[in-house]
Amino acid sequence: MNHTIVHFEIPADNPKKLKRFYESVFGWKIERSLGPVEYWSINTVPVDERGRPTEIGVNGGMIKRQHPEHELTSYILVESVDEYSKKIKDAGGKIIAPKTAVPSIGYWALFADPDGNMLAIWEENKGAR
């Protein structure tokens, strides 16, 4: 598996204002997603019917800022969030937010590397609950 960055997430104090900024500056397509959490999908490149990029690039999302220190997060594709959470801890990292399901899409966990940089791991899994 190619352990590459597959998604990014931008925290926003005012998502509608930030949407206008990124659309006007970069021409990104940004749309509010359905669901209980205020989340906006960002397409920096076109996607196919499954939502996968059809050109080289990474798409992402925008979420309402959760706390003052909430920073941009990059998501790294892994085979198993459980397996890689253990590898991260064994290598000196720290799990900040444990495995969390995005129903019918996959699982994620937030971690800090030994220098305190925050990233996330992402496991695609249609059976996620």
C-alpha atoms as a PDB file:
ATOM      1  CA  MET A   1       0.000   0.000   0.000  1.00  0.00           C
ATOM      2  CA  ASN A   2       1.141   3.514  -0.780  1.00  0.00           C
ATOM      3  CA  HIS A   3       1.116   5.355   2.559  1.00  0.00           C
ATOM      4  CA  THR A   4       0.457   8.766   1.108  1.00  0.00           C
ATOM      5  CA  ILE A   5      -1.547  11.779   2.203  1.00  0.00           C
ATOM      6  CA  VAL A   6      -5.065  11.196   0.888  1.00  0.00           C
ATOM      7  CA  HIS A   7      -7.070  13.979   2.554  1.00  0.00           C
ATOM      8  CA  PHE A   8      -6.611  17.303   4.313  1.00  0.00           C
ATOM      9  CA  GLU A   9      -8.909  19.132   6.692  1.00  0.00           C
ATOM     10  CA  ILE A  10      -8.985  22.886   7.263  1.00  0.00           C
ATOM     11  CA  PRO A  11     -10.510  24.240  10.496  1.00  0.00           C
ATOM     12  CA  ALA A  12     -12.666  27.327   9.996  1.00  0.00           C
ATOM     13  CA  ASP A  13     -14.131  29.929  12.334  1.00  0.00           C
ATOM     14  CA  ASN A  14     -16.510  31.007   9.564  1.00  0.00           C
ATOM     15  CA  PRO A  15     -16.816  28.209   6.961  1.00  0.00           C
ATOM     16  CA  LYS A  16     -18.948  30.245   4.525  1.00  0.00           C
ATOM     17  CA  LYS A  17     -16.389  33.061   4.482  1.00  0.00           C
ATOM     18  CA  LEU A  18     -13.474  30.636   4.096  1.00  0.00           C
ATOM     19  CA  LYS A  19     -15.377  28.829   1.315  1.00  0.00           C
ATOM     20  CA  ARG A  20     -15.625  32.086  -0.646  1.00  0.00           C
ATOM     21  CA  PHE A  21     -11.891  32.729  -0.083  1.00  0.00           C
ATOM     22  CA  TYR A  22     -10.675  29.349  -1.409  1.00  0.00           C
ATOM     23  CA  GLU A  23     -13.145  29.315  -4.288  1.00  0.00           C
ATOM     24  CA  SER A  24     -12.146  32.812  -5.420  1.00  0.00           C
ATOM     25  CA  VAL A  25      -8.390  32.353  -4.991  1.00  0.00           C
ATOM     26  CA  PHE A  26      -7.904  28.749  -6.190  1.00  0.00           C
ATOM     27  CA  GLY A  27     -11.158  27.865  -7.948  1.00  0.00           C
ATOM     28  CA  TRP A  28     -11.781  24.914  -5.618  1.00  0.00           C
ATOM     29  CA  LYS A  29     -15.269  23.388  -5.553  1.00  0.00           C
ATOM     30  CA  ILE A  30     -16.552  23.471  -1.965  1.00  0.00           C
ATOM     31  CA  GLU A  31     -19.945  22.117  -0.916  1.00  0.00           C
ATOM     32  CA  ARG A  32     -21.654  21.540   2.434  1.00  0.00           C
ATOM     33  CA  SER A  33     -21.955  17.820   3.163  1.00  0.00           C
ATOM     34  CA  LEU A  34     -25.088  16.265   4.575  1.00  0.00           C
ATOM     35  CA  GLY A  35     -24.928  15.074   8.139  1.00  0.00           C
ATOM     36  CA  PRO A  36     -25.116  16.171  11.748  1.00  0.00           C
ATOM     37  CA  VAL A  37     -21.646  17.790  11.770  1.00  0.00           C
ATOM     38  CA  GLU A  38     -20.997  21.003   9.848  1.00  0.00           C
ATOM     39  CA  TYR A  39     -18.561  19.720   7.232  1.00  0.00           C
ATOM     40  CA  TRP A  40     -17.678  21.040   3.801  1.00  0.00           C
ATOM     41  CA  SER A  41     -16.123  18.858   1.067  1.00  0.00           C
ATOM     42  CA  ILE A  42     -13.281  20.472  -0.877  1.00  0.00           C
ATOM     43  CA  ASN A  43     -12.439  19.299  -4.389  1.00  0.00           C
ATOM     44  CA  THR A  44      -9.111  20.700  -5.540  1.00  0.00           C
ATOM     45  CA  VAL A  45      -9.249  18.277  -8.495  1.00  0.00           C
ATOM     46  CA  PRO A  46     -12.237  16.619 -10.247  1.00  0.00           C
ATOM     47  CA  VAL A  47     -13.655  13.369  -8.853  1.00  0.00           C
ATOM     48  CA  ASP A  48     -15.335  10.311 -10.358  1.00  0.00           C
ATOM     49  CA  GLU A  49     -18.733   8.859  -9.357  1.00  0.00           C
ATOM     50  CA  ARG A  50     -17.099   7.230  -6.292  1.00  0.00           C
ATOM     51  CA  GLY A  51     -15.633  10.551  -5.147  1.00  0.00           C
ATOM     52  CA  ARG A  52     -12.040   9.628  -6.029  1.00  0.00           C
ATOM     53  CA  PRO A  53      -9.759  12.181  -7.739  1.00  0.00           C
ATOM     54  CA  THR A  54      -9.497  11.748 -11.511  1.00  0.00           C
ATOM     55  CA  GLU A  55      -6.312  13.845 -11.695  1.00  0.00           C
ATOM     56  CA  ILE A  56      -3.185  13.993  -9.559  1.00  0.00           C
ATOM     57  CA  GLY A  57      -4.020  15.870  -6.406  1.00  0.00           C
ATOM     58  CA  VAL A  58      -5.549  15.605  -2.958  1.00  0.00           C
ATOM     59  CA  ASN A  59      -9.050  16.657  -1.986  1.00  0.00           C
ATOM     60  CA  GLY A  60     -10.115  17.538   1.506  1.00  0.00           C
ATOM     61  CA  GLY A  61     -12.629  19.145   3.756  1.00  0.00           C
ATOM     62  CA  MET A  62     -13.362  22.060   6.002  1.00  0.00           C
ATOM     63  CA  ILE A  63     -14.741  21.709   9.525  1.00  0.00           C
ATOM     64  CA  LYS A  64     -15.863  24.224  12.133  1.00  0.00           C
ATOM     65  CA  ARG A  65     -12.875  24.967  14.389  1.00  0.00           C
ATOM     66  CA  GLN A  66     -13.162  22.786  17.516  1.00  0.00           C
ATOM     67  CA  HIS A  67     -10.749  24.737  19.774  1.00  0.00           C
ATOM     68  CA  PRO A  68      -8.256  27.634  19.422  1.00  0.00           C
ATOM     69  CA  GLU A  69      -5.297  25.281  18.748  1.00  0.00           C
ATOM     70  CA  HIS A  70      -7.167  23.324  16.024  1.00  0.00           C
ATOM     71  CA  GLU A  71      -4.780  23.157  13.059  1.00  0.00           C
ATOM     72  CA  LEU A  72      -4.876  21.879   9.503  1.00  0.00           C
ATOM     73  CA  THR A  73      -4.754  18.073   9.517  1.00  0.00           C
ATOM     74  CA  SER A  74      -3.315  15.776   6.847  1.00  0.00           C
ATOM     75  CA  TYR A  75      -4.611  12.190   6.653  1.00  0.00           C
ATOM     76  CA  ILE A  76      -2.242   9.333   5.741  1.00  0.00           C
ATOM     77  CA  LEU A  77      -3.694   6.181   4.159  1.00  0.00           C
ATOM     78  CA  VAL A  78      -3.018   2.956   6.114  1.00  0.00           C
ATOM     79  CA  GLU A  79      -4.272  -0.632   5.949  1.00  0.00           C
ATOM     80  CA  SER A  80      -5.434  -0.665   9.580  1.00  0.00           C
ATOM     81  CA  VAL A  81      -5.914   2.177  12.059  1.00  0.00           C
ATOM     82  CA  ASP A  82      -5.488  -0.319  14.916  1.00  0.00           C
ATOM     83  CA  GLU A  83      -2.179  -1.659  13.554  1.00  0.00           C
ATOM     84  CA  TYR A  84      -0.744   1.777  12.780  1.00  0.00           C
ATOM     85  CA  SER A  85      -1.882   3.257  16.105  1.00  0.00           C
ATOM     86  CA  LYS A  86       0.277   0.604  17.776  1.00  0.00           C
ATOM     87  CA  LYS A  87       3.217   1.324  15.421  1.00  0.00           C
ATOM     88  CA  ILE A  88       2.920   5.051  16.177  1.00  0.00           C
ATOM     89  CA  LYS A  89       3.004   4.452  19.956  1.00  0.00           C
ATOM     90  CA  ASP A  90       5.868   1.944  19.654  1.00  0.00           C
ATOM     91  CA  ALA A  91       7.904   4.490  17.662  1.00  0.00           C
ATOM     92  CA  GLY A  92       7.441   7.265  20.237  1.00  0.00           C
ATOM     93  CA  GLY A  93       4.304   8.960  18.936  1.00  0.00           C
ATOM     94  CA  LYS A  94       1.089   9.571  20.837  1.00  0.00           C
ATOM     95  CA  ILE A  95      -2.523   8.848  19.876  1.00  0.00           C
ATOM     96  CA  ILE A  96      -4.473  12.055  20.496  1.00  0.00           C
ATOM     97  CA  ALA A  97      -7.920  10.910  19.291  1.00  0.00           C
ATOM     98  CA  PRO A  98      -8.480   7.132  19.124  1.00  0.00           C
ATOM     99  CA  LYS A  99      -9.980   5.157  16.263  1.00  0.00           C
ATOM    100  CA  THR A 100     -13.242   6.779  15.176  1.00  0.00           C
ATOM    101  CA  ALA A 101     -15.702   5.531  12.574  1.00  0.00           C
ATOM    102  CA  VAL A 102     -17.013   7.520   9.641  1.00  0.00           C
ATOM    103  CA  PRO A 103     -19.984   5.198   8.981  1.00  0.00           C
ATOM    104  CA  SER A 104     -19.801   3.265   5.696  1.00  0.00           C
ATOM    105  CA  ILE A 105     -16.577   5.074   4.704  1.00  0.00           C
ATOM    106  CA  GLY A 106     -13.730   4.248   7.073  1.00  0.00           C
ATOM    107  CA  TYR A 107     -11.867   4.905  10.320  1.00  0.00           C
ATOM    108  CA  TRP A 108      -9.459   7.606  11.439  1.00  0.00           C
ATOM    109  CA  ALA A 109      -7.267   8.399  14.442  1.00  0.00           C
ATOM    110  CA  LEU A 110      -5.364  11.572  15.270  1.00  0.00           C
ATOM    111  CA  PHE A 111      -1.757  11.310  16.425  1.00  0.00           C
ATOM    112  CA  ALA A 112       1.235  13.426  17.366  1.00  0.00           C
ATOM    113  CA  ASP A 113       4.714  12.484  16.178  1.00  0.00           C
ATOM    114  CA  PRO A 114       7.645  12.679  18.660  1.00  0.00           C
ATOM    115  CA  ASP A 115       8.077  16.398  17.847  1.00  0.00           C
ATOM    116  CA  GLY A 116       4.395  17.140  18.542  1.00  0.00           C
ATOM    117  CA  ASN A 117       3.251  17.500  14.909  1.00  0.00           C
ATOM    118  CA  MET A 118      -0.393  16.466  14.548  1.00  0.00           C
ATOM    119  CA  LEU A 119      -1.496  14.220  11.700  1.00  0.00           C
ATOM    120  CA  ALA A 120      -4.150  11.570  11.194  1.00  0.00           C
ATOM    121  CA  ILE A 121      -4.235   8.037   9.849  1.00  0.00           C
ATOM    122  CA  TRP A 122      -7.084   6.907   7.604  1.00  0.00           C
ATOM    123  CA  GLU A 123      -8.365   3.404   6.840  1.00  0.00           C
ATOM    124  CA  GLU A 124     -10.875   2.953   4.021  1.00  0.00           C
ATOM    125  CA  ASN A 125     -13.530   0.493   5.221  1.00  0.00           C
ATOM    126  CA  LYS A 126     -17.107   0.425   3.892  1.00  0.00           C
ATOM    127  CA  GLY A 127     -18.094  -1.660   6.942  1.00  0.00           C
ATOM    128  CA  ALA A 128     -17.166   1.116   9.387  1.00  0.00           C
ATOM    129  CA  ARG A 129     -19.751   1.654  12.121  1.00  0.00           C
END
